[in-house]
Amino acid sequence: MKTVYGLMINSGDANEMLWDHGVWETEEAAALYIKNELSNISGIWVGDLKVNDSIPEAAEDYGEEMVECSLCGIEYNGEDVNTTDYEENVCINCEPGYKETMDIA
């Protein structure tokens, strides 16, 4: 677990973090932000928040192969491209329009 510091305010029923102002690694840095940027606003203080550390080792690549849509040329995850029902690879975004233009005989 890692501790970061953010700006807190009492919203009436509970204390809430002001997420839109960001978080800081030190309590002093957050207090300095309040002093420099929010000095004319009362009722704001520095609070700590426990967060999970990022994954220490590189995330695993599961080797999912990307498939290019024949119509738009964008590569998608294999589940998002229909490779079996048509002669071309058609993504989920192009499929409705492709079905409309197909000559079903």
N, C-alpha and C. Protein backbone atom coordinates (compact mmCIF):
# COMPACT_ATOMS: atom_id res chain seq x y z
N MET A 1 0.84 -1.18 0.00
CA MET A 1 0.00 0.00 0.00
C MET A 1 0.88 1.24 0.00
N LYS A 2 0.37 2.26 -0.65
CA LYS A 2 1.08 3.53 -0.73
C LYS A 2 0.15 4.61 -0.20
N THR A 3 0.71 5.62 0.43
CA THR A 3 -0.07 6.73 0.94
C THR A 3 0.17 7.95 0.05
N VAL A 4 -0.91 8.54 -0.41
CA VAL A 4 -0.85 9.80 -1.14
C VAL A 4 -1.72 10.80 -0.38
N TYR A 5 -1.55 12.06 -0.71
CA TYR A 5 -2.26 13.11 0.02
C TYR A 5 -3.07 13.94 -0.95
N GLY A 6 -4.27 14.28 -0.51
CA GLY A 6 -5.16 15.08 -1.34
C GLY A 6 -5.86 16.12 -0.50
N LEU A 7 -6.68 16.90 -1.14
CA LEU A 7 -7.41 17.96 -0.47
C LEU A 7 -8.76 17.42 -0.01
N MET A 8 -9.08 17.73 1.22
CA MET A 8 -10.33 17.23 1.83
C MET A 8 -11.24 18.40 2.15
N ILE A 9 -12.54 18.10 2.13
CA ILE A 9 -13.56 19.08 2.51
C ILE A 9 -14.69 18.32 3.20
N ASN A 10 -15.36 18.97 4.12
CA ASN A 10 -16.51 18.37 4.78
C ASN A 10 -17.74 18.75 3.99
N SER A 11 -18.42 17.73 3.44
CA SER A 11 -19.59 18.00 2.60
C SER A 11 -20.89 17.98 3.38
N GLY A 12 -20.82 17.89 4.68
CA GLY A 12 -22.03 17.87 5.49
C GLY A 12 -22.15 16.56 6.25
N ASP A 13 -22.26 15.46 5.53
CA ASP A 13 -22.40 14.15 6.15
C ASP A 13 -21.06 13.45 6.35
N ALA A 14 -20.08 13.80 5.54
CA ALA A 14 -18.80 13.10 5.59
C ALA A 14 -17.70 13.97 5.01
N ASN A 15 -16.47 13.58 5.25
CA ASN A 15 -15.34 14.24 4.63
C ASN A 15 -15.13 13.63 3.25
N GLU A 16 -14.89 14.48 2.26
CA GLU A 16 -14.69 14.01 0.90
C GLU A 16 -13.40 14.57 0.32
N MET A 17 -12.78 13.77 -0.55
CA MET A 17 -11.57 14.18 -1.23
C MET A 17 -11.96 14.98 -2.47
N LEU A 18 -11.25 16.10 -2.69
CA LEU A 18 -11.45 16.90 -3.89
C LEU A 18 -10.56 16.35 -4.99
N TRP A 19 -11.06 15.36 -5.72
CA TRP A 19 -10.26 14.63 -6.70
C TRP A 19 -9.79 15.50 -7.85
N ASP A 20 -10.56 16.49 -8.23
CA ASP A 20 -10.21 17.28 -9.41
C ASP A 20 -8.99 18.17 -9.21
N HIS A 21 -8.49 18.27 -7.99
CA HIS A 21 -7.28 19.05 -7.73
C HIS A 21 -6.03 18.17 -7.74
N GLY A 22 -6.19 16.86 -7.78
CA GLY A 22 -5.05 15.96 -7.85
C GLY A 22 -4.64 15.40 -6.50
N VAL A 23 -3.55 14.65 -6.51
CA VAL A 23 -2.98 14.08 -5.29
C VAL A 23 -1.48 14.37 -5.29
N TRP A 24 -0.89 14.33 -4.10
CA TRP A 24 0.53 14.61 -3.93
C TRP A 24 1.19 13.48 -3.16
N GLU A 25 2.49 13.31 -3.38
CA GLU A 25 3.22 12.25 -2.70
C GLU A 25 3.57 12.61 -1.27
N THR A 26 3.61 13.90 -0.97
CA THR A 26 3.92 14.31 0.41
C THR A 26 2.83 15.23 0.95
N GLU A 27 2.67 15.20 2.24
CA GLU A 27 1.69 16.05 2.89
C GLU A 27 2.09 17.52 2.76
N GLU A 28 3.39 17.78 2.80
CA GLU A 28 3.89 19.14 2.70
C GLU A 28 3.56 19.76 1.34
N ALA A 29 3.69 18.96 0.27
CA ALA A 29 3.39 19.46 -1.07
C ALA A 29 1.92 19.81 -1.21
N ALA A 30 1.04 19.01 -0.63
CA ALA A 30 -0.39 19.29 -0.69
C ALA A 30 -0.72 20.55 0.13
N ALA A 31 -0.09 20.69 1.28
CA ALA A 31 -0.31 21.89 2.11
C ALA A 31 0.19 23.14 1.40
N LEU A 32 1.31 23.03 0.69
CA LEU A 32 1.84 24.15 -0.06
C LEU A 32 0.88 24.56 -1.18
N TYR A 33 0.25 23.58 -1.82
CA TYR A 33 -0.74 23.88 -2.86
C TYR A 33 -1.92 24.66 -2.26
N ILE A 34 -2.39 24.24 -1.11
CA ILE A 34 -3.49 24.96 -0.45
C ILE A 34 -3.07 26.40 -0.15
N LYS A 35 -1.87 26.55 0.37
CA LYS A 35 -1.37 27.88 0.73
C LYS A 35 -1.25 28.78 -0.50
N ASN A 36 -0.71 28.24 -1.60
CA ASN A 36 -0.46 29.06 -2.79
C ASN A 36 -1.68 29.26 -3.68
N GLU A 37 -2.50 28.24 -3.83
CA GLU A 37 -3.59 28.30 -4.80
C GLU A 37 -4.98 28.51 -4.21
N LEU A 38 -5.18 28.05 -2.97
CA LEU A 38 -6.52 28.09 -2.39
C LEU A 38 -6.55 28.83 -1.06
N SER A 39 -5.67 29.80 -0.90
CA SER A 39 -5.54 30.49 0.38
C SER A 39 -6.80 31.28 0.75
N ASN A 40 -7.59 31.68 -0.21
CA ASN A 40 -8.80 32.45 0.08
C ASN A 40 -10.03 31.58 0.33
N ILE A 41 -9.86 30.25 0.35
CA ILE A 41 -10.97 29.33 0.59
C ILE A 41 -10.75 28.64 1.93
N SER A 42 -11.77 28.66 2.79
CA SER A 42 -11.63 28.01 4.09
C SER A 42 -12.29 26.64 4.07
N GLY A 43 -11.95 25.80 5.02
CA GLY A 43 -12.57 24.49 5.14
C GLY A 43 -11.92 23.40 4.33
N ILE A 44 -10.72 23.64 3.79
CA ILE A 44 -9.99 22.63 3.03
C ILE A 44 -8.74 22.27 3.80
N TRP A 45 -8.48 20.97 3.92
CA TRP A 45 -7.28 20.50 4.60
C TRP A 45 -6.70 19.32 3.84
N VAL A 46 -5.51 18.90 4.27
CA VAL A 46 -4.82 17.78 3.63
C VAL A 46 -5.24 16.49 4.32
N GLY A 47 -5.61 15.51 3.53
CA GLY A 47 -5.97 14.20 4.04
C GLY A 47 -5.17 13.13 3.32
N ASP A 48 -4.99 11.99 4.00
CA ASP A 48 -4.23 10.90 3.36
C ASP A 48 -5.17 9.85 2.79
N LEU A 49 -4.66 9.15 1.79
CA LEU A 49 -5.42 8.13 1.10
C LEU A 49 -4.50 6.95 0.84
N LYS A 50 -4.92 5.77 1.21
CA LYS A 50 -4.14 4.55 0.96
C LYS A 50 -4.55 3.97 -0.38
N VAL A 51 -3.56 3.73 -1.25
CA VAL A 51 -3.81 3.16 -2.57
C VAL A 51 -2.89 1.99 -2.79
N ASN A 52 -3.29 1.09 -3.69
CA ASN A 52 -2.43 -0.03 -4.05
C ASN A 52 -1.28 0.48 -4.91
N ASP A 53 -0.11 -0.09 -4.70
CA ASP A 53 1.02 0.23 -5.57
C ASP A 53 0.75 -0.32 -6.96
N SER A 54 1.40 0.26 -7.94
CA SER A 54 1.27 -0.27 -9.29
C SER A 54 1.94 -1.63 -9.35
N ILE A 55 1.67 -2.36 -10.39
CA ILE A 55 2.23 -3.70 -10.55
C ILE A 55 3.74 -3.57 -10.68
N PRO A 56 4.51 -4.20 -9.80
CA PRO A 56 5.96 -4.01 -9.83
C PRO A 56 6.64 -4.60 -11.07
N GLU A 57 6.16 -5.71 -11.55
CA GLU A 57 6.74 -6.28 -12.76
C GLU A 57 5.86 -5.94 -13.95
N ALA A 58 6.41 -6.09 -15.11
CA ALA A 58 5.66 -5.74 -16.33
C ALA A 58 4.41 -6.60 -16.45
N ALA A 59 3.35 -5.99 -16.92
CA ALA A 59 2.10 -6.74 -17.12
C ALA A 59 2.31 -7.81 -18.18
N GLU A 60 1.66 -8.93 -17.98
CA GLU A 60 1.83 -10.04 -18.91
C GLU A 60 1.09 -9.76 -20.22
N ASP A 61 1.72 -10.12 -21.30
CA ASP A 61 1.08 -10.04 -22.61
C ASP A 61 0.53 -11.42 -22.91
N TYR A 62 -0.77 -11.52 -23.00
CA TYR A 62 -1.40 -12.81 -23.21
C TYR A 62 -1.38 -13.24 -24.67
N GLY A 63 -0.78 -12.44 -25.51
CA GLY A 63 -0.60 -12.83 -26.90
C GLY A 63 -1.86 -12.81 -27.73
N GLU A 64 -2.84 -12.03 -27.33
CA GLU A 64 -4.05 -11.95 -28.12
C GLU A 64 -3.70 -11.26 -29.43
N GLU A 65 -4.00 -11.93 -30.52
CA GLU A 65 -3.65 -11.40 -31.83
C GLU A 65 -4.71 -10.41 -32.28
N MET A 66 -4.25 -9.29 -32.78
CA MET A 66 -5.16 -8.27 -33.29
C MET A 66 -5.54 -8.64 -34.73
N VAL A 67 -6.77 -8.31 -35.10
CA VAL A 67 -7.27 -8.63 -36.44
C VAL A 67 -7.69 -7.32 -37.10
N GLU A 68 -7.25 -7.12 -38.33
CA GLU A 68 -7.59 -5.89 -39.05
C GLU A 68 -8.90 -6.05 -39.79
N CYS A 69 -9.75 -5.04 -39.66
CA CYS A 69 -11.01 -5.01 -40.39
C CYS A 69 -10.70 -4.69 -41.85
N SER A 70 -11.25 -5.47 -42.76
CA SER A 70 -11.01 -5.25 -44.19
C SER A 70 -11.65 -3.97 -44.70
N LEU A 71 -12.66 -3.47 -44.00
CA LEU A 71 -13.38 -2.30 -44.48
C LEU A 71 -12.77 -1.00 -43.99
N CYS A 72 -12.52 -0.90 -42.69
CA CYS A 72 -12.02 0.37 -42.16
C CYS A 72 -10.51 0.37 -41.92
N GLY A 73 -9.89 -0.81 -41.90
CA GLY A 73 -8.45 -0.90 -41.74
C GLY A 73 -7.95 -0.77 -40.32
N ILE A 74 -8.84 -0.73 -39.35
CA ILE A 74 -8.45 -0.61 -37.94
C ILE A 74 -8.29 -2.01 -37.36
N GLU A 75 -7.25 -2.18 -36.52
CA GLU A 75 -7.03 -3.47 -35.87
C GLU A 75 -7.83 -3.54 -34.59
N TYR A 76 -8.49 -4.68 -34.40
CA TYR A 76 -9.32 -4.91 -33.23
C TYR A 76 -8.92 -6.21 -32.56
N ASN A 77 -9.39 -6.39 -31.34
CA ASN A 77 -9.28 -7.66 -30.65
C ASN A 77 -10.03 -8.68 -31.49
N GLY A 78 -9.56 -9.92 -31.52
CA GLY A 78 -10.16 -10.95 -32.35
C GLY A 78 -11.64 -11.17 -32.14
N GLU A 79 -12.13 -10.93 -30.91
CA GLU A 79 -13.56 -11.13 -30.62
C GLU A 79 -14.42 -10.04 -31.24
N ASP A 80 -13.82 -8.92 -31.64
CA ASP A 80 -14.58 -7.81 -32.19
C ASP A 80 -14.63 -7.79 -33.71
N VAL A 81 -14.08 -8.83 -34.34
CA VAL A 81 -14.07 -8.90 -35.80
C VAL A 81 -14.70 -10.23 -36.22
N ASN A 82 -15.67 -10.15 -37.10
CA ASN A 82 -16.33 -11.35 -37.62
C ASN A 82 -15.48 -11.88 -38.77
N THR A 83 -14.84 -13.01 -38.53
CA THR A 83 -13.97 -13.61 -39.54
C THR A 83 -14.58 -14.86 -40.17
N THR A 84 -15.76 -15.25 -39.73
CA THR A 84 -16.33 -16.51 -40.19
C THR A 84 -17.54 -16.36 -41.10
N ASP A 85 -18.37 -15.34 -40.91
CA ASP A 85 -19.63 -15.23 -41.65
C ASP A 85 -19.50 -14.57 -43.02
N TYR A 86 -18.39 -13.88 -43.25
CA TYR A 86 -18.22 -13.14 -44.50
C TYR A 86 -16.89 -13.52 -45.13
N GLU A 87 -16.74 -13.15 -46.41
CA GLU A 87 -15.47 -13.39 -47.09
C GLU A 87 -14.38 -12.44 -46.59
N GLU A 88 -14.80 -11.32 -46.02
CA GLU A 88 -13.86 -10.33 -45.51
C GLU A 88 -13.94 -10.29 -43.99
N ASN A 89 -12.90 -9.77 -43.35
CA ASN A 89 -12.94 -9.54 -41.91
C ASN A 89 -13.70 -8.25 -41.66
N VAL A 90 -14.81 -8.32 -40.91
CA VAL A 90 -15.67 -7.17 -40.69
C VAL A 90 -15.79 -6.92 -39.20
N CYS A 91 -15.41 -5.71 -38.75
CA CYS A 91 -15.47 -5.38 -37.32
C CYS A 91 -16.91 -5.10 -36.91
N ILE A 92 -17.13 -5.02 -35.61
CA ILE A 92 -18.48 -4.79 -35.08
C ILE A 92 -19.00 -3.41 -35.45
N ASN A 93 -18.11 -2.45 -35.71
CA ASN A 93 -18.55 -1.11 -36.09
C ASN A 93 -18.99 -1.04 -37.54
N CYS A 94 -18.35 -1.82 -38.41
CA CYS A 94 -18.68 -1.81 -39.85
C CYS A 94 -19.76 -2.81 -40.22
N GLU A 95 -20.02 -3.78 -39.35
CA GLU A 95 -20.93 -4.87 -39.69
C GLU A 95 -22.35 -4.42 -40.04
N PRO A 96 -22.97 -3.49 -39.28
CA PRO A 96 -24.33 -3.09 -39.66
C PRO A 96 -24.40 -2.52 -41.08
N GLY A 97 -23.47 -1.65 -41.44
CA GLY A 97 -23.47 -1.08 -42.78
C GLY A 97 -23.15 -2.11 -43.83
N TYR A 98 -22.27 -3.04 -43.50
CA TYR A 98 -21.89 -4.10 -44.43
C TYR A 98 -23.08 -4.99 -44.74
N LYS A 99 -23.88 -5.31 -43.72
CA LYS A 99 -25.06 -6.15 -43.92
C LYS A 99 -26.07 -5.47 -44.83
N GLU A 100 -26.20 -4.14 -44.70
CA GLU A 100 -27.15 -3.39 -45.53
C GLU A 100 -26.75 -3.42 -47.01
N THR A 101 -25.47 -3.42 -47.29
CA THR A 101 -25.02 -3.36 -48.68
C THR A 101 -24.82 -4.74 -49.30
N MET A 102 -24.96 -5.79 -48.51
CA MET A 102 -24.77 -7.15 -49.04
C MET A 102 -25.91 -7.49 -50.00
N ASP A 103 -25.56 -8.20 -51.04
CA ASP A 103 -26.55 -8.66 -52.01
C ASP A 103 -26.96 -10.07 -51.58
N ILE A 104 -28.05 -10.15 -50.84
CA ILE A 104 -28.52 -11.45 -50.35
C ILE A 104 -29.43 -12.05 -51.40
N ALA A 105 -28.97 -13.14 -51.97
CA ALA A 105 -29.75 -13.77 -53.04
C ALA A 105 -30.16 -15.16 -52.64
